[in-house]
Amino acid sequence: MSFAIGNKELGKKKNIGDFILCKSCNKRHRIKYGDKILENGTKKPSKLLGFYTCQGKNYLASIAGKDIRR
């Protein structure tokens, strides 16, 4: 599966918030983010990619804090 989104499209998307309502299970899931690892090895929180977990699987939900789900 491929996914592509342009800067203009991303700019029009809404902010994701802290939780989403899952269309698969109809429950709320917390949006999780990774860390950016700096040159000196320390970690800094990053909202570049946001994901959630449902029934043991991870799903991409946001890019740069914007909701990219359909």
N, C-alpha and C. Protein backbone atom coordinates (compact mmCIF):
# COMPACT_ATOMS: atom_id res chain seq x y z
N MET A 1 0.84 -1.18 0.00
CA MET A 1 0.00 0.00 0.00
C MET A 1 0.89 1.24 0.00
N SER A 2 0.54 2.19 -0.81
CA SER A 2 1.28 3.44 -0.88
C SER A 2 0.45 4.57 -0.31
N PHE A 3 1.14 5.59 0.15
CA PHE A 3 0.46 6.76 0.69
C PHE A 3 1.28 7.99 0.33
N ALA A 4 0.61 8.99 -0.20
CA ALA A 4 1.29 10.24 -0.53
C ALA A 4 0.39 11.41 -0.16
N ILE A 5 0.99 12.47 0.37
CA ILE A 5 0.24 13.67 0.72
C ILE A 5 1.17 14.87 0.51
N GLY A 6 0.65 15.90 -0.12
CA GLY A 6 1.43 17.10 -0.38
C GLY A 6 1.32 18.10 0.75
N ASN A 7 2.20 19.09 0.75
CA ASN A 7 2.19 20.12 1.78
C ASN A 7 0.89 20.91 1.79
N LYS A 8 0.33 21.19 0.61
CA LYS A 8 -0.92 21.94 0.54
C LYS A 8 -2.06 21.13 1.14
N GLU A 9 -2.11 19.83 0.81
CA GLU A 9 -3.14 18.96 1.38
C GLU A 9 -3.00 18.86 2.90
N LEU A 10 -1.78 18.70 3.36
CA LEU A 10 -1.52 18.57 4.79
C LEU A 10 -1.93 19.84 5.52
N GLY A 11 -1.66 20.99 4.91
CA GLY A 11 -2.02 22.27 5.52
C GLY A 11 -3.52 22.44 5.71
N LYS A 12 -4.33 21.77 4.90
CA LYS A 12 -5.79 21.87 4.99
C LYS A 12 -6.40 20.92 6.02
N LYS A 13 -5.60 19.95 6.49
CA LYS A 13 -6.11 18.96 7.45
C LYS A 13 -6.25 19.58 8.84
N LYS A 14 -7.13 19.00 9.64
CA LYS A 14 -7.36 19.47 11.02
C LYS A 14 -6.31 18.88 11.95
N ASN A 15 -6.07 19.59 13.06
CA ASN A 15 -5.19 19.06 14.10
C ASN A 15 -5.80 17.80 14.69
N ILE A 16 -4.97 16.84 15.06
CA ILE A 16 -5.47 15.54 15.50
C ILE A 16 -5.95 15.52 16.95
N GLY A 17 -5.33 16.26 17.85
CA GLY A 17 -5.70 16.18 19.26
C GLY A 17 -4.99 15.02 19.94
N ASP A 18 -5.49 14.64 21.12
CA ASP A 18 -4.84 13.59 21.91
C ASP A 18 -5.45 12.21 21.70
N PHE A 19 -6.70 12.14 21.26
CA PHE A 19 -7.40 10.87 21.08
C PHE A 19 -8.13 10.88 19.73
N ILE A 20 -8.40 9.67 19.22
CA ILE A 20 -9.24 9.54 18.03
C ILE A 20 -10.34 8.52 18.33
N LEU A 21 -11.41 8.58 17.59
CA LEU A 21 -12.46 7.57 17.66
C LEU A 21 -12.19 6.59 16.53
N CYS A 22 -11.89 5.36 16.88
CA CYS A 22 -11.51 4.33 15.91
C CYS A 22 -12.73 3.86 15.13
N LYS A 23 -12.58 3.81 13.81
CA LYS A 23 -13.68 3.35 12.96
C LYS A 23 -13.78 1.83 12.93
N SER A 24 -12.74 1.14 13.41
CA SER A 24 -12.77 -0.33 13.42
C SER A 24 -13.50 -0.89 14.64
N CYS A 25 -13.23 -0.29 15.82
CA CYS A 25 -13.79 -0.84 17.06
C CYS A 25 -14.71 0.13 17.78
N ASN A 26 -14.85 1.35 17.27
CA ASN A 26 -15.69 2.40 17.87
C ASN A 26 -15.28 2.79 19.28
N LYS A 27 -14.00 2.62 19.60
CA LYS A 27 -13.46 3.05 20.90
C LYS A 27 -12.47 4.18 20.68
N ARG A 28 -12.19 4.91 21.78
CA ARG A 28 -11.19 5.98 21.73
C ARG A 28 -9.80 5.39 21.92
N HIS A 29 -8.85 5.90 21.15
CA HIS A 29 -7.46 5.50 21.29
C HIS A 29 -6.59 6.74 21.42
N ARG A 30 -5.59 6.65 22.27
CA ARG A 30 -4.64 7.75 22.46
C ARG A 30 -3.67 7.78 21.28
N ILE A 31 -3.38 8.97 20.82
CA ILE A 31 -2.37 9.16 19.78
C ILE A 31 -1.00 9.13 20.45
N LYS A 32 -0.12 8.31 19.91
CA LYS A 32 1.24 8.18 20.45
C LYS A 32 2.23 8.74 19.43
N TYR A 33 3.35 9.21 19.95
CA TYR A 33 4.39 9.79 19.10
C TYR A 33 5.74 9.21 19.48
N GLY A 34 6.69 9.31 18.57
CA GLY A 34 8.05 8.87 18.83
C GLY A 34 8.91 10.04 19.28
N ASP A 35 10.18 9.78 19.37
CA ASP A 35 11.15 10.80 19.76
C ASP A 35 12.13 11.03 18.61
N LYS A 36 12.63 12.25 18.54
CA LYS A 36 13.72 12.57 17.63
C LYS A 36 15.00 12.39 18.42
N ILE A 37 15.94 11.67 17.85
CA ILE A 37 17.22 11.45 18.52
C ILE A 37 18.21 12.49 18.00
N LEU A 38 18.69 13.32 18.90
CA LEU A 38 19.61 14.39 18.54
C LEU A 38 21.03 13.85 18.36
N GLU A 39 21.90 14.66 17.79
CA GLU A 39 23.27 14.23 17.51
C GLU A 39 24.02 13.78 18.76
N ASN A 40 23.70 14.38 19.91
CA ASN A 40 24.40 14.00 21.14
C ASN A 40 23.76 12.77 21.80
N GLY A 41 22.76 12.16 21.15
CA GLY A 41 22.15 10.94 21.67
C GLY A 41 20.93 11.15 22.54
N THR A 42 20.63 12.39 22.91
CA THR A 42 19.46 12.64 23.74
C THR A 42 18.20 12.60 22.87
N LYS A 43 17.09 12.36 23.51
CA LYS A 43 15.81 12.26 22.82
C LYS A 43 14.96 13.49 23.07
N LYS A 44 14.25 13.92 22.03
CA LYS A 44 13.36 15.06 22.12
C LYS A 44 12.01 14.63 21.56
N PRO A 45 10.91 14.88 22.26
CA PRO A 45 9.60 14.48 21.73
C PRO A 45 9.36 15.10 20.35
N SER A 46 8.75 14.31 19.48
CA SER A 46 8.48 14.76 18.11
C SER A 46 7.05 14.39 17.72
N LYS A 47 6.35 15.31 17.08
CA LYS A 47 5.00 15.03 16.61
C LYS A 47 4.99 14.82 15.09
N LEU A 48 6.14 14.45 14.53
CA LEU A 48 6.22 14.25 13.09
C LEU A 48 5.26 13.15 12.64
N LEU A 49 5.28 12.01 13.30
CA LEU A 49 4.37 10.92 12.98
C LEU A 49 3.59 10.51 14.22
N GLY A 50 2.27 10.45 14.10
CA GLY A 50 1.41 10.03 15.20
C GLY A 50 0.71 8.74 14.82
N PHE A 51 0.59 7.84 15.77
CA PHE A 51 -0.05 6.56 15.50
C PHE A 51 -0.91 6.14 16.68
N TYR A 52 -1.77 5.16 16.45
CA TYR A 52 -2.55 4.57 17.52
C TYR A 52 -2.54 3.06 17.36
N THR A 53 -2.86 2.36 18.43
CA THR A 53 -2.87 0.90 18.41
C THR A 53 -4.28 0.41 18.65
N CYS A 54 -4.74 -0.49 17.78
CA CYS A 54 -6.06 -1.10 17.93
C CYS A 54 -5.92 -2.59 17.69
N GLN A 55 -6.35 -3.38 18.63
CA GLN A 55 -6.33 -4.84 18.55
C GLN A 55 -4.95 -5.36 18.17
N GLY A 56 -3.91 -4.77 18.79
CA GLY A 56 -2.54 -5.22 18.60
C GLY A 56 -1.86 -4.73 17.34
N LYS A 57 -2.53 -3.91 16.54
CA LYS A 57 -1.93 -3.38 15.31
C LYS A 57 -1.77 -1.88 15.42
N ASN A 58 -0.69 -1.34 14.84
CA ASN A 58 -0.44 0.10 14.82
C ASN A 58 -0.94 0.70 13.52
N TYR A 59 -1.54 1.89 13.62
CA TYR A 59 -2.07 2.59 12.46
C TYR A 59 -1.58 4.03 12.46
N LEU A 60 -1.14 4.51 11.30
CA LEU A 60 -0.72 5.89 11.14
C LEU A 60 -1.95 6.79 11.21
N ALA A 61 -1.87 7.84 12.03
CA ALA A 61 -3.02 8.72 12.20
C ALA A 61 -2.71 10.17 11.87
N SER A 62 -1.45 10.59 12.06
CA SER A 62 -1.15 11.99 11.84
C SER A 62 0.27 12.20 11.33
N ILE A 63 0.42 13.30 10.62
CA ILE A 63 1.74 13.79 10.18
C ILE A 63 1.81 15.24 10.63
N ALA A 64 2.86 15.57 11.36
CA ALA A 64 3.08 16.92 11.87
C ALA A 64 1.86 17.42 12.65
N GLY A 65 1.22 16.53 13.40
CA GLY A 65 0.07 16.89 14.23
C GLY A 65 -1.24 17.05 13.49
N LYS A 66 -1.26 16.76 12.18
CA LYS A 66 -2.48 16.89 11.37
C LYS A 66 -3.08 15.51 11.13
N ASP A 67 -4.41 15.42 11.24
CA ASP A 67 -5.15 14.17 11.06
C ASP A 67 -5.14 13.78 9.58
N ILE A 68 -4.50 12.65 9.24
CA ILE A 68 -4.42 12.25 7.85
C ILE A 68 -5.34 11.07 7.53
N ARG A 69 -6.15 10.66 8.50
CA ARG A 69 -7.10 9.57 8.23
C ARG A 69 -8.16 10.05 7.27
N ARG A 70 -8.76 9.13 6.53
CA ARG A 70 -9.78 9.51 5.54
C ARG A 70 -11.09 9.83 6.19
